[in-house]
Amino acid sequence: MDQANQLEEFLERVRSLLGPNPPALAEGEVEAILELARVAAHSSERRAAPVTTYLAGLVLGGAAPEAREAFLDDLVVKLEVAR
């Protein structure tokens, strides 16, 4: 099994543990989240990655899928500029 399938299966397992109406991820969101985590880990210390993605998730809780991906992409750009 390749990494993409492993990630997809794991995320489905996590979603199944989040209750009866777990949030869905739009197609580009996973890559946007991973990019945010990468930038956060390289801009500070590695432990900044999960905390940064969690904070972004708190802000994006009720946003539409297309707005979430755009927000994440914009945050990555801002963090990279601040490096």
N, C-alpha and C. Protein backbone atom coordinates (compact mmCIF):
# COMPACT_ATOMS: atom_id res chain seq x y z
N MET A 1 0.85 -1.19 0.00
CA MET A 1 0.00 0.00 0.00
C MET A 1 0.89 1.25 0.00
N ASP A 2 0.57 2.21 -0.86
CA ASP A 2 1.38 3.42 -0.94
C ASP A 2 0.99 4.42 0.14
N GLN A 3 1.83 5.44 0.29
CA GLN A 3 1.63 6.44 1.34
C GLN A 3 0.30 7.18 1.21
N ALA A 4 -0.10 7.51 0.00
CA ALA A 4 -1.35 8.24 -0.20
C ALA A 4 -2.54 7.41 0.30
N ASN A 5 -2.53 6.12 -0.01
CA ASN A 5 -3.62 5.26 0.46
C ASN A 5 -3.58 5.10 1.97
N GLN A 6 -2.37 4.99 2.54
CA GLN A 6 -2.25 4.87 3.99
C GLN A 6 -2.80 6.11 4.67
N LEU A 7 -2.45 7.28 4.15
CA LEU A 7 -2.94 8.53 4.72
C LEU A 7 -4.46 8.60 4.61
N GLU A 8 -4.99 8.28 3.46
CA GLU A 8 -6.44 8.33 3.25
C GLU A 8 -7.16 7.38 4.20
N GLU A 9 -6.65 6.18 4.35
CA GLU A 9 -7.27 5.21 5.26
C GLU A 9 -7.20 5.68 6.70
N PHE A 10 -6.05 6.23 7.10
CA PHE A 10 -5.91 6.72 8.46
C PHE A 10 -6.88 7.87 8.73
N LEU A 11 -6.97 8.81 7.79
CA LEU A 11 -7.88 9.94 7.98
C LEU A 11 -9.33 9.48 8.05
N GLU A 12 -9.70 8.47 7.29
CA GLU A 12 -11.06 7.92 7.39
C GLU A 12 -11.28 7.28 8.75
N ARG A 13 -10.25 6.62 9.27
CA ARG A 13 -10.35 6.04 10.62
C ARG A 13 -10.55 7.14 11.65
N VAL A 14 -9.79 8.21 11.54
CA VAL A 14 -9.93 9.34 12.47
C VAL A 14 -11.33 9.91 12.36
N ARG A 15 -11.80 10.12 11.14
CA ARG A 15 -13.16 10.68 10.94
C ARG A 15 -14.21 9.79 11.59
N SER A 16 -14.03 8.48 11.53
CA SER A 16 -15.01 7.57 12.12
C SER A 16 -15.05 7.68 13.65
N LEU A 17 -13.98 8.19 14.22
CA LEU A 17 -13.90 8.35 15.68
C LEU A 17 -14.41 9.71 16.15
N LEU A 18 -14.73 10.59 15.22
CA LEU A 18 -15.11 11.97 15.57
C LEU A 18 -16.61 12.17 15.75
N GLY A 19 -17.36 11.11 15.71
CA GLY A 19 -18.79 11.24 15.94
C GLY A 19 -19.60 11.00 14.69
N PRO A 20 -20.91 11.20 14.80
CA PRO A 20 -21.81 10.86 13.70
C PRO A 20 -21.71 11.77 12.47
N ASN A 21 -21.26 12.99 12.61
CA ASN A 21 -21.15 13.92 11.48
C ASN A 21 -19.75 14.52 11.40
N PRO A 22 -18.74 13.69 11.12
CA PRO A 22 -17.38 14.23 11.09
C PRO A 22 -17.19 15.17 9.90
N PRO A 23 -16.29 16.12 10.05
CA PRO A 23 -16.05 17.04 8.94
C PRO A 23 -15.38 16.32 7.77
N ALA A 24 -15.71 16.76 6.58
CA ALA A 24 -15.08 16.23 5.37
C ALA A 24 -13.99 17.19 4.92
N LEU A 25 -13.03 16.65 4.22
CA LEU A 25 -11.95 17.47 3.68
C LEU A 25 -12.11 17.57 2.17
N ALA A 26 -12.00 18.77 1.66
CA ALA A 26 -12.02 18.97 0.21
C ALA A 26 -10.71 18.44 -0.37
N GLU A 27 -10.70 18.22 -1.66
CA GLU A 27 -9.57 17.58 -2.33
C GLU A 27 -8.22 18.22 -2.02
N GLY A 28 -8.12 19.53 -2.10
CA GLY A 28 -6.83 20.20 -1.90
C GLY A 28 -6.48 20.51 -0.47
N GLU A 29 -7.41 20.29 0.44
CA GLU A 29 -7.17 20.67 1.84
C GLU A 29 -6.06 19.87 2.51
N VAL A 30 -6.00 18.57 2.24
CA VAL A 30 -4.96 17.76 2.88
C VAL A 30 -3.59 18.28 2.50
N GLU A 31 -3.38 18.55 1.23
CA GLU A 31 -2.08 19.08 0.79
C GLU A 31 -1.81 20.45 1.40
N ALA A 32 -2.83 21.29 1.50
CA ALA A 32 -2.66 22.62 2.10
C ALA A 32 -2.30 22.50 3.58
N ILE A 33 -2.92 21.56 4.28
CA ILE A 33 -2.61 21.34 5.70
C ILE A 33 -1.19 20.83 5.86
N LEU A 34 -0.80 19.87 5.01
CA LEU A 34 0.56 19.33 5.09
C LEU A 34 1.60 20.40 4.77
N GLU A 35 1.29 21.27 3.83
CA GLU A 35 2.22 22.36 3.50
C GLU A 35 2.33 23.33 4.67
N LEU A 36 1.22 23.64 5.31
CA LEU A 36 1.26 24.51 6.49
C LEU A 36 2.10 23.88 7.58
N ALA A 37 1.91 22.59 7.82
CA ALA A 37 2.70 21.90 8.85
C ALA A 37 4.19 21.92 8.51
N ARG A 38 4.51 21.72 7.24
CA ARG A 38 5.92 21.74 6.82
C ARG A 38 6.56 23.10 7.07
N VAL A 39 5.86 24.15 6.67
CA VAL A 39 6.38 25.51 6.84
C VAL A 39 6.52 25.83 8.34
N ALA A 40 5.53 25.47 9.12
CA ALA A 40 5.59 25.73 10.56
C ALA A 40 6.77 25.00 11.20
N ALA A 41 6.97 23.76 10.83
CA ALA A 41 8.07 22.97 11.40
C ALA A 41 9.44 23.53 11.03
N HIS A 42 9.53 24.11 9.84
CA HIS A 42 10.82 24.65 9.41
C HIS A 42 11.01 26.12 9.78
N SER A 43 9.94 26.77 10.22
CA SER A 43 10.04 28.17 10.62
C SER A 43 10.34 28.32 12.10
N SER A 44 10.10 27.32 12.87
CA SER A 44 10.30 27.34 14.31
C SER A 44 10.95 26.02 14.70
N GLU A 45 10.28 25.30 15.54
CA GLU A 45 10.72 23.95 15.86
C GLU A 45 9.65 22.99 15.37
N ARG A 46 9.97 21.74 15.27
CA ARG A 46 9.04 20.75 14.71
C ARG A 46 7.71 20.72 15.46
N ARG A 47 7.75 20.93 16.76
CA ARG A 47 6.51 20.88 17.56
C ARG A 47 5.55 21.99 17.19
N ALA A 48 6.01 22.98 16.47
CA ALA A 48 5.12 24.07 16.04
C ALA A 48 4.12 23.60 14.98
N ALA A 49 4.45 22.54 14.25
CA ALA A 49 3.60 22.07 13.16
C ALA A 49 2.21 21.64 13.63
N PRO A 50 2.08 20.71 14.59
CA PRO A 50 0.73 20.31 14.98
C PRO A 50 -0.04 21.42 15.67
N VAL A 51 0.64 22.25 16.43
CA VAL A 51 -0.05 23.34 17.12
C VAL A 51 -0.55 24.37 16.10
N THR A 52 0.26 24.67 15.11
CA THR A 52 -0.14 25.62 14.07
C THR A 52 -1.35 25.11 13.29
N THR A 53 -1.32 23.85 12.91
CA THR A 53 -2.45 23.30 12.16
C THR A 53 -3.70 23.23 13.02
N TYR A 54 -3.55 22.97 14.31
CA TYR A 54 -4.70 22.96 15.22
C TYR A 54 -5.30 24.36 15.33
N LEU A 55 -4.45 25.36 15.49
CA LEU A 55 -4.95 26.75 15.57
C LEU A 55 -5.70 27.13 14.30
N ALA A 56 -5.15 26.78 13.16
CA ALA A 56 -5.83 27.07 11.90
C ALA A 56 -7.17 26.35 11.86
N GLY A 57 -7.21 25.12 12.33
CA GLY A 57 -8.46 24.37 12.36
C GLY A 57 -9.51 25.02 13.23
N LEU A 58 -9.09 25.58 14.35
CA LEU A 58 -10.04 26.27 15.23
C LEU A 58 -10.66 27.47 14.52
N VAL A 59 -9.86 28.19 13.78
CA VAL A 59 -10.34 29.37 13.05
C VAL A 59 -11.28 28.96 11.92
N LEU A 60 -10.97 27.85 11.27
CA LEU A 60 -11.70 27.45 10.06
C LEU A 60 -12.89 26.53 10.32
N GLY A 61 -13.23 26.29 11.56
CA GLY A 61 -14.26 25.33 11.92
C GLY A 61 -15.53 25.37 11.11
N GLY A 62 -16.09 26.53 10.86
CA GLY A 62 -17.36 26.61 10.15
C GLY A 62 -17.25 27.12 8.73
N ALA A 63 -16.04 27.26 8.24
CA ALA A 63 -15.85 27.84 6.91
C ALA A 63 -16.16 26.85 5.80
N ALA A 64 -16.51 27.37 4.64
CA ALA A 64 -16.76 26.55 3.46
C ALA A 64 -15.44 25.93 2.98
N PRO A 65 -15.49 24.73 2.36
CA PRO A 65 -14.25 24.06 1.93
C PRO A 65 -13.33 24.92 1.07
N GLU A 66 -13.89 25.66 0.11
CA GLU A 66 -13.03 26.48 -0.76
C GLU A 66 -12.37 27.62 0.01
N ALA A 67 -13.04 28.14 1.03
CA ALA A 67 -12.46 29.19 1.86
C ALA A 67 -11.36 28.63 2.75
N ARG A 68 -11.52 27.40 3.21
CA ARG A 68 -10.52 26.78 4.08
C ARG A 68 -9.20 26.61 3.34
N GLU A 69 -9.26 26.08 2.15
CA GLU A 69 -8.02 25.87 1.40
C GLU A 69 -7.33 27.19 1.08
N ALA A 70 -8.08 28.19 0.68
CA ALA A 70 -7.51 29.50 0.38
C ALA A 70 -6.88 30.12 1.63
N PHE A 71 -7.55 29.98 2.77
CA PHE A 71 -7.02 30.51 4.03
C PHE A 71 -5.69 29.83 4.37
N LEU A 72 -5.63 28.52 4.24
CA LEU A 72 -4.41 27.78 4.55
C LEU A 72 -3.28 28.18 3.61
N ASP A 73 -3.57 28.30 2.33
CA ASP A 73 -2.55 28.72 1.36
C ASP A 73 -2.02 30.11 1.70
N ASP A 74 -2.92 31.01 2.07
CA ASP A 74 -2.52 32.37 2.42
C ASP A 74 -1.66 32.39 3.68
N LEU A 75 -2.02 31.57 4.66
CA LEU A 75 -1.24 31.51 5.89
C LEU A 75 0.17 30.98 5.61
N VAL A 76 0.29 30.00 4.73
CA VAL A 76 1.61 29.47 4.35
C VAL A 76 2.45 30.59 3.75
N VAL A 77 1.88 31.35 2.85
CA VAL A 77 2.61 32.46 2.21
C VAL A 77 3.08 33.46 3.27
N LYS A 78 2.20 33.82 4.18
CA LYS A 78 2.56 34.79 5.23
C LYS A 78 3.68 34.26 6.11
N LEU A 79 3.64 32.98 6.46
CA LEU A 79 4.69 32.41 7.29
C LEU A 79 6.02 32.35 6.55
N GLU A 80 5.97 32.04 5.27
CA GLU A 80 7.21 31.98 4.49
C GLU A 80 7.84 33.35 4.31
N VAL A 81 7.00 34.36 4.15
CA VAL A 81 7.52 35.73 4.00
C VAL A 81 8.18 36.19 5.31
N ALA A 82 7.63 35.76 6.43
CA ALA A 82 8.15 36.18 7.74
C ALA A 82 9.44 35.47 8.11
N ARG A 83 9.82 34.44 7.36
CA ARG A 83 11.06 33.70 7.71
C ARG A 83 12.28 34.54 7.62
